[in-house]
Amino acid sequence: MRLFWAMPEPVKVWLARPGREDTPSGVLSLVESTLWFEGSGTTIRVPAGDIVKVRRARGSPVITVSWDVEDEGHEAAFYFVEPGPLGWSVEPPWVPGRGLDRTLSIMRLREANKQLKPLVKEWTQAIRSATGG
């Protein structure tokens, strides 16, 4: 099989999944039309044909990939920089000292995006090309 898009080099990312607090780091790679994430104790293998949506979060170095396996939907976010706290705070963010961690995390992601935007766009386009979209 001949590939018509440039495959990006494997890259270190952090994995976030809905309903899970952990964000393990690992290596994201695209090999023979399969998206791979391999980290400490976590391996995700997604054939390109199963991927239904690829989104790049605007203003941050994050790609979200959605895929279906046997009519069951899955989703994962790949952070190209180590994420800060991802959980929602029950305290209002306008109370002094409250929500500060979340605000700092967002600011850090936006700053990292300035440097990582070309890499994140390359990965988004490569995954989309692998899916035929």
N, C-alpha and C. Protein backbone atom coordinates (compact mmCIF):
# COMPACT_ATOMS: atom_id res chain seq x y z
N MET A 1 0.84 -1.18 0.00
CA MET A 1 0.00 0.00 0.00
C MET A 1 0.89 1.24 0.00
N ARG A 2 0.57 2.17 -0.85
CA ARG A 2 1.37 3.38 -0.96
C ARG A 2 0.66 4.53 -0.23
N LEU A 3 1.40 5.26 0.55
CA LEU A 3 0.83 6.36 1.31
C LEU A 3 1.09 7.67 0.58
N PHE A 4 0.08 8.56 0.54
CA PHE A 4 0.20 9.80 -0.20
C PHE A 4 0.32 11.02 0.68
N TRP A 5 0.46 10.87 1.96
CA TRP A 5 0.63 12.00 2.85
C TRP A 5 1.91 11.79 3.64
N ALA A 6 2.45 12.86 4.11
CA ALA A 6 3.67 12.76 4.91
C ALA A 6 3.31 12.31 6.32
N MET A 7 3.96 11.26 6.75
CA MET A 7 3.71 10.77 8.10
C MET A 7 4.56 11.57 9.07
N PRO A 8 3.93 12.13 10.09
CA PRO A 8 4.70 12.89 11.08
C PRO A 8 5.56 11.96 11.93
N GLU A 9 6.61 12.53 12.44
CA GLU A 9 7.48 11.76 13.34
C GLU A 9 6.73 11.48 14.64
N PRO A 10 6.98 10.32 15.28
CA PRO A 10 6.37 10.05 16.59
C PRO A 10 6.68 11.19 17.56
N VAL A 11 5.73 11.49 18.43
CA VAL A 11 5.87 12.64 19.32
C VAL A 11 5.35 12.27 20.71
N LYS A 12 5.95 12.89 21.73
CA LYS A 12 5.50 12.69 23.10
C LYS A 12 4.24 13.52 23.33
N VAL A 13 3.20 12.87 23.87
CA VAL A 13 1.94 13.54 24.18
C VAL A 13 1.42 13.03 25.51
N TRP A 14 0.36 13.68 26.00
CA TRP A 14 -0.34 13.24 27.20
C TRP A 14 -1.76 12.90 26.79
N LEU A 15 -2.27 11.80 27.28
CA LEU A 15 -3.58 11.29 26.92
C LEU A 15 -4.61 11.66 27.98
N ALA A 16 -5.73 12.21 27.55
CA ALA A 16 -6.86 12.49 28.46
C ALA A 16 -8.09 11.84 27.86
N ARG A 17 -8.83 11.12 28.70
CA ARG A 17 -10.06 10.46 28.25
C ARG A 17 -11.22 10.87 29.15
N PRO A 18 -12.40 11.00 28.57
CA PRO A 18 -13.56 11.39 29.37
C PRO A 18 -13.79 10.41 30.53
N GLY A 19 -14.06 10.97 31.69
CA GLY A 19 -14.35 10.15 32.86
C GLY A 19 -13.14 9.62 33.60
N ARG A 20 -11.96 9.98 33.15
CA ARG A 20 -10.73 9.51 33.81
C ARG A 20 -9.91 10.70 34.26
N GLU A 21 -9.35 10.58 35.45
CA GLU A 21 -8.55 11.66 36.02
C GLU A 21 -7.09 11.62 35.55
N ASP A 22 -6.59 10.42 35.23
CA ASP A 22 -5.18 10.29 34.88
C ASP A 22 -4.91 10.84 33.48
N THR A 23 -3.70 11.34 33.29
CA THR A 23 -3.26 11.82 31.99
C THR A 23 -1.86 11.27 31.73
N PRO A 24 -1.78 9.98 31.36
CA PRO A 24 -0.47 9.38 31.15
C PRO A 24 0.24 9.97 29.94
N SER A 25 1.55 10.03 30.03
CA SER A 25 2.34 10.46 28.88
C SER A 25 2.73 9.23 28.08
N GLY A 26 3.01 9.46 26.82
CA GLY A 26 3.40 8.36 25.95
C GLY A 26 3.79 8.89 24.60
N VAL A 27 3.91 8.00 23.64
CA VAL A 27 4.32 8.36 22.29
C VAL A 27 3.14 8.14 21.34
N LEU A 28 2.84 9.18 20.57
CA LEU A 28 1.80 9.11 19.55
C LEU A 28 2.48 8.89 18.22
N SER A 29 2.00 7.91 17.48
CA SER A 29 2.58 7.64 16.16
C SER A 29 1.47 7.22 15.20
N LEU A 30 1.75 7.37 13.93
CA LEU A 30 0.84 6.98 12.87
C LEU A 30 1.60 6.02 11.99
N VAL A 31 1.22 4.74 12.06
CA VAL A 31 1.96 3.70 11.35
C VAL A 31 0.97 2.87 10.54
N GLU A 32 1.22 2.78 9.23
CA GLU A 32 0.39 1.97 8.34
C GLU A 32 -1.10 2.19 8.57
N SER A 33 -1.53 3.44 8.52
CA SER A 33 -2.94 3.82 8.67
C SER A 33 -3.54 3.43 10.02
N THR A 34 -2.71 3.40 11.03
CA THR A 34 -3.17 3.12 12.39
C THR A 34 -2.57 4.15 13.32
N LEU A 35 -3.44 4.75 14.14
CA LEU A 35 -3.00 5.72 15.15
C LEU A 35 -2.67 4.95 16.42
N TRP A 36 -1.47 5.15 16.92
CA TRP A 36 -1.00 4.45 18.11
C TRP A 36 -0.66 5.44 19.22
N PHE A 37 -1.05 5.10 20.44
CA PHE A 37 -0.57 5.78 21.63
C PHE A 37 -0.02 4.69 22.52
N GLU A 38 1.26 4.82 22.88
CA GLU A 38 1.88 3.86 23.77
C GLU A 38 2.51 4.60 24.94
N GLY A 39 1.98 4.35 26.13
CA GLY A 39 2.49 4.98 27.34
C GLY A 39 2.66 3.95 28.44
N SER A 40 2.97 4.41 29.62
CA SER A 40 3.18 3.50 30.73
C SER A 40 1.86 2.83 31.12
N GLY A 41 1.75 1.57 30.75
CA GLY A 41 0.56 0.78 31.08
C GLY A 41 -0.65 1.07 30.22
N THR A 42 -0.54 1.92 29.21
CA THR A 42 -1.67 2.27 28.36
C THR A 42 -1.26 2.19 26.90
N THR A 43 -2.01 1.42 26.14
CA THR A 43 -1.80 1.35 24.70
C THR A 43 -3.15 1.51 24.02
N ILE A 44 -3.21 2.41 23.08
CA ILE A 44 -4.41 2.61 22.27
C ILE A 44 -4.02 2.43 20.83
N ARG A 45 -4.75 1.61 20.12
CA ARG A 45 -4.51 1.36 18.71
C ARG A 45 -5.83 1.60 17.98
N VAL A 46 -5.83 2.58 17.08
CA VAL A 46 -7.06 2.94 16.36
C VAL A 46 -6.80 2.87 14.85
N PRO A 47 -7.39 1.89 14.17
CA PRO A 47 -7.28 1.87 12.72
C PRO A 47 -7.94 3.12 12.13
N ALA A 48 -7.33 3.70 11.11
CA ALA A 48 -7.83 4.94 10.51
C ALA A 48 -9.28 4.80 10.05
N GLY A 49 -9.68 3.62 9.63
CA GLY A 49 -11.05 3.41 9.18
C GLY A 49 -12.09 3.53 10.28
N ASP A 50 -11.66 3.42 11.53
CA ASP A 50 -12.59 3.53 12.66
C ASP A 50 -12.74 4.97 13.15
N ILE A 51 -11.84 5.86 12.72
CA ILE A 51 -11.87 7.25 13.19
C ILE A 51 -13.00 7.99 12.49
N VAL A 52 -13.85 8.65 13.30
CA VAL A 52 -14.99 9.38 12.74
C VAL A 52 -14.81 10.90 12.82
N LYS A 53 -13.95 11.38 13.72
CA LYS A 53 -13.76 12.83 13.83
C LYS A 53 -12.38 13.13 14.41
N VAL A 54 -11.74 14.15 13.85
CA VAL A 54 -10.47 14.66 14.34
C VAL A 54 -10.63 16.17 14.49
N ARG A 55 -10.40 16.68 15.69
CA ARG A 55 -10.54 18.12 15.93
C ARG A 55 -9.27 18.64 16.58
N ARG A 56 -8.87 19.81 16.14
CA ARG A 56 -7.78 20.52 16.82
C ARG A 56 -8.43 21.60 17.64
N ALA A 57 -8.19 21.57 18.94
CA ALA A 57 -8.78 22.57 19.82
C ALA A 57 -8.15 23.92 19.53
N ARG A 58 -8.96 24.86 19.08
CA ARG A 58 -8.47 26.18 18.71
C ARG A 58 -7.81 26.87 19.91
N GLY A 59 -6.63 27.40 19.69
CA GLY A 59 -5.93 28.14 20.73
C GLY A 59 -5.18 27.28 21.72
N SER A 60 -5.14 25.97 21.49
CA SER A 60 -4.38 25.11 22.40
C SER A 60 -3.75 23.96 21.62
N PRO A 61 -2.67 23.39 22.14
CA PRO A 61 -2.00 22.29 21.45
C PRO A 61 -2.63 20.93 21.80
N VAL A 62 -3.89 20.77 21.40
CA VAL A 62 -4.65 19.57 21.74
C VAL A 62 -5.40 19.07 20.50
N ILE A 63 -5.34 17.76 20.27
CA ILE A 63 -6.12 17.12 19.22
C ILE A 63 -7.08 16.15 19.91
N THR A 64 -8.34 16.19 19.50
CA THR A 64 -9.33 15.24 20.00
C THR A 64 -9.70 14.31 18.86
N VAL A 65 -9.64 13.00 19.14
CA VAL A 65 -9.95 11.99 18.14
C VAL A 65 -11.13 11.17 18.65
N SER A 66 -12.14 11.00 17.79
CA SER A 66 -13.30 10.16 18.12
C SER A 66 -13.32 8.99 17.15
N TRP A 67 -13.64 7.80 17.67
CA TRP A 67 -13.70 6.62 16.82
C TRP A 67 -14.78 5.68 17.32
N ASP A 68 -15.22 4.81 16.42
CA ASP A 68 -16.24 3.81 16.74
C ASP A 68 -15.63 2.42 16.60
N VAL A 69 -15.96 1.57 17.56
CA VAL A 69 -15.59 0.16 17.50
C VAL A 69 -16.86 -0.63 17.82
N GLU A 70 -17.32 -1.40 16.85
CA GLU A 70 -18.55 -2.18 17.02
C GLU A 70 -19.69 -1.32 17.55
N ASP A 71 -19.92 -0.20 16.89
CA ASP A 71 -20.99 0.75 17.23
C ASP A 71 -20.88 1.36 18.62
N GLU A 72 -19.71 1.33 19.21
CA GLU A 72 -19.48 1.97 20.51
C GLU A 72 -18.49 3.11 20.29
N GLY A 73 -18.89 4.32 20.73
CA GLY A 73 -18.06 5.49 20.53
C GLY A 73 -16.97 5.63 21.58
N HIS A 74 -15.81 6.08 21.15
CA HIS A 74 -14.67 6.34 22.03
C HIS A 74 -14.10 7.71 21.69
N GLU A 75 -13.45 8.33 22.66
CA GLU A 75 -12.84 9.63 22.41
C GLU A 75 -11.59 9.77 23.28
N ALA A 76 -10.60 10.43 22.73
CA ALA A 76 -9.37 10.71 23.46
C ALA A 76 -8.83 12.06 23.02
N ALA A 77 -8.26 12.78 23.97
CA ALA A 77 -7.60 14.05 23.67
C ALA A 77 -6.11 13.85 23.85
N PHE A 78 -5.34 14.31 22.89
CA PHE A 78 -3.89 14.19 22.94
C PHE A 78 -3.32 15.59 23.13
N TYR A 79 -2.69 15.81 24.27
CA TYR A 79 -2.08 17.09 24.62
C TYR A 79 -0.62 17.06 24.20
N PHE A 80 -0.18 18.04 23.45
CA PHE A 80 1.20 18.11 23.00
C PHE A 80 2.09 18.82 24.01
N VAL A 81 1.53 19.17 25.15
CA VAL A 81 2.25 19.73 26.28
C VAL A 81 1.58 19.17 27.53
N GLU A 82 2.33 19.00 28.58
CA GLU A 82 1.76 18.40 29.80
C GLU A 82 0.60 19.26 30.32
N PRO A 83 -0.58 18.65 30.46
CA PRO A 83 -1.72 19.43 30.92
C PRO A 83 -1.65 19.69 32.42
N GLY A 84 -2.28 20.77 32.83
CA GLY A 84 -2.43 21.06 34.24
C GLY A 84 -3.65 20.31 34.75
N PRO A 85 -4.19 20.72 35.89
CA PRO A 85 -5.40 20.07 36.42
C PRO A 85 -6.54 20.18 35.41
N LEU A 86 -7.19 19.04 35.14
CA LEU A 86 -8.25 19.02 34.14
C LEU A 86 -9.64 19.06 34.76
N GLY A 87 -9.75 18.78 36.04
CA GLY A 87 -11.06 18.70 36.67
C GLY A 87 -11.70 20.06 36.84
N TRP A 88 -13.01 20.06 36.92
CA TRP A 88 -13.77 21.28 37.15
C TRP A 88 -13.81 21.56 38.63
N SER A 89 -13.67 22.79 38.98
CA SER A 89 -13.73 23.21 40.38
C SER A 89 -15.17 23.56 40.72
N VAL A 90 -15.63 23.16 41.90
CA VAL A 90 -16.99 23.51 42.31
C VAL A 90 -17.07 24.93 42.82
N GLU A 91 -15.94 25.52 43.18
CA GLU A 91 -15.92 26.90 43.64
C GLU A 91 -15.96 27.85 42.45
N PRO A 92 -16.64 28.97 42.60
CA PRO A 92 -16.66 29.94 41.50
C PRO A 92 -15.26 30.48 41.23
N PRO A 93 -14.91 30.67 39.95
CA PRO A 93 -13.56 31.14 39.63
C PRO A 93 -13.30 32.58 40.02
N TRP A 94 -14.35 33.36 40.29
CA TRP A 94 -14.14 34.76 40.62
C TRP A 94 -13.79 35.00 42.08
N VAL A 95 -13.90 33.96 42.93
CA VAL A 95 -13.51 34.09 44.33
C VAL A 95 -11.99 34.10 44.38
N PRO A 96 -11.38 35.07 45.08
CA PRO A 96 -9.91 35.15 45.12
C PRO A 96 -9.27 33.81 45.51
N GLY A 97 -8.32 33.38 44.68
CA GLY A 97 -7.60 32.14 44.95
C GLY A 97 -8.29 30.90 44.42
N ARG A 98 -9.54 31.03 44.02
CA ARG A 98 -10.30 29.88 43.52
C ARG A 98 -10.22 29.83 42.00
N GLY A 99 -10.11 28.69 41.46
CA GLY A 99 -10.06 28.54 40.01
C GLY A 99 -8.75 29.01 39.40
N LEU A 100 -7.80 29.38 40.24
CA LEU A 100 -6.53 29.89 39.75
C LEU A 100 -5.75 28.82 38.99
N ASP A 101 -5.77 27.58 39.49
CA ASP A 101 -5.06 26.50 38.80
C ASP A 101 -5.59 26.30 37.39
N ARG A 102 -6.90 26.32 37.25
CA ARG A 102 -7.50 26.13 35.94
C ARG A 102 -7.14 27.28 35.00
N THR A 103 -7.20 28.49 35.50
CA THR A 103 -6.86 29.66 34.70
C THR A 103 -5.40 29.60 34.25
N LEU A 104 -4.51 29.24 35.16
CA LEU A 104 -3.09 29.12 34.81
C LEU A 104 -2.86 28.02 33.79
N SER A 105 -3.60 26.91 33.91
CA SER A 105 -3.46 25.82 32.94
C SER A 105 -3.87 26.28 31.55
N ILE A 106 -4.97 27.02 31.46
CA ILE A 106 -5.43 27.52 30.17
C ILE A 106 -4.41 28.49 29.58
N MET A 107 -3.89 29.36 30.40
CA MET A 107 -2.89 30.32 29.92
C MET A 107 -1.63 29.60 29.43
N ARG A 108 -1.23 28.56 30.15
CA ARG A 108 -0.04 27.79 29.76
C ARG A 108 -0.26 27.08 28.43
N LEU A 109 -1.47 26.52 28.23
CA LEU A 109 -1.79 25.86 26.97
C LEU A 109 -1.77 26.85 25.81
N ARG A 110 -2.32 28.02 26.01
CA ARG A 110 -2.34 29.03 24.95
C ARG A 110 -0.93 29.48 24.59
N GLU A 111 -0.08 29.64 25.60
CA GLU A 111 1.31 30.04 25.35
C GLU A 111 2.05 28.93 24.59
N ALA A 112 1.85 27.68 24.99
CA ALA A 112 2.51 26.56 24.32
C ALA A 112 2.03 26.44 22.88
N ASN A 113 0.77 26.80 22.64
CA ASN A 113 0.22 26.70 21.30
C ASN A 113 0.98 27.56 20.30
N LYS A 114 1.52 28.68 20.76
CA LYS A 114 2.26 29.56 19.86
C LYS A 114 3.44 28.83 19.21
N GLN A 115 4.10 27.98 19.99
CA GLN A 115 5.26 27.25 19.48
C GLN A 115 4.86 25.94 18.80
N LEU A 116 3.82 25.29 19.30
CA LEU A 116 3.47 23.95 18.85
C LEU A 116 2.41 23.90 17.75
N LYS A 117 1.86 25.04 17.37
CA LYS A 117 0.77 25.07 16.39
C LYS A 117 1.12 24.35 15.09
N PRO A 118 2.30 24.58 14.49
CA PRO A 118 2.62 23.85 13.24
C PRO A 118 2.64 22.33 13.43
N LEU A 119 3.18 21.87 14.54
CA LEU A 119 3.23 20.43 14.81
C LEU A 119 1.83 19.85 14.98
N VAL A 120 0.99 20.54 15.73
CA VAL A 120 -0.37 20.07 15.98
C VAL A 120 -1.17 20.06 14.68
N LYS A 121 -1.01 21.08 13.84
CA LYS A 121 -1.69 21.11 12.54
C LYS A 121 -1.21 19.97 11.65
N GLU A 122 0.10 19.69 11.67
CA GLU A 122 0.65 18.59 10.88
C GLU A 122 0.02 17.27 11.28
N TRP A 123 -0.10 17.04 12.59
CA TRP A 123 -0.70 15.81 13.09
C TRP A 123 -2.18 15.73 12.73
N THR A 124 -2.90 16.82 12.87
CA THR A 124 -4.32 16.83 12.53
C THR A 124 -4.52 16.49 11.06
N GLN A 125 -3.75 17.11 10.19
CA GLN A 125 -3.87 16.85 8.75
C GLN A 125 -3.47 15.42 8.40
N ALA A 126 -2.43 14.90 9.05
CA ALA A 126 -1.99 13.53 8.76
C ALA A 126 -3.06 12.51 9.17
N ILE A 127 -3.68 12.72 10.32
CA ILE A 127 -4.73 11.79 10.77
C ILE A 127 -5.93 11.88 9.84
N ARG A 128 -6.32 13.08 9.47
CA ARG A 128 -7.44 13.25 8.53
C ARG A 128 -7.13 12.59 7.18
N SER A 129 -5.91 12.76 6.70
CA SER A 129 -5.52 12.14 5.43
C SER A 129 -5.55 10.62 5.53
N ALA A 130 -5.14 10.09 6.66
CA ALA A 130 -5.15 8.63 6.85
C ALA A 130 -6.57 8.08 6.85
N THR A 131 -7.53 8.89 7.30
CA THR A 131 -8.93 8.44 7.33
C THR A 131 -9.61 8.63 5.99
N GLY A 132 -8.94 9.31 5.07
CA GLY A 132 -9.53 9.56 3.76
C GLY A 132 -10.36 10.82 3.73
N GLY A 133 -10.35 11.58 4.86
CA GLY A 133 -11.17 12.79 4.93
C GLY A 133 -10.41 14.05 4.64
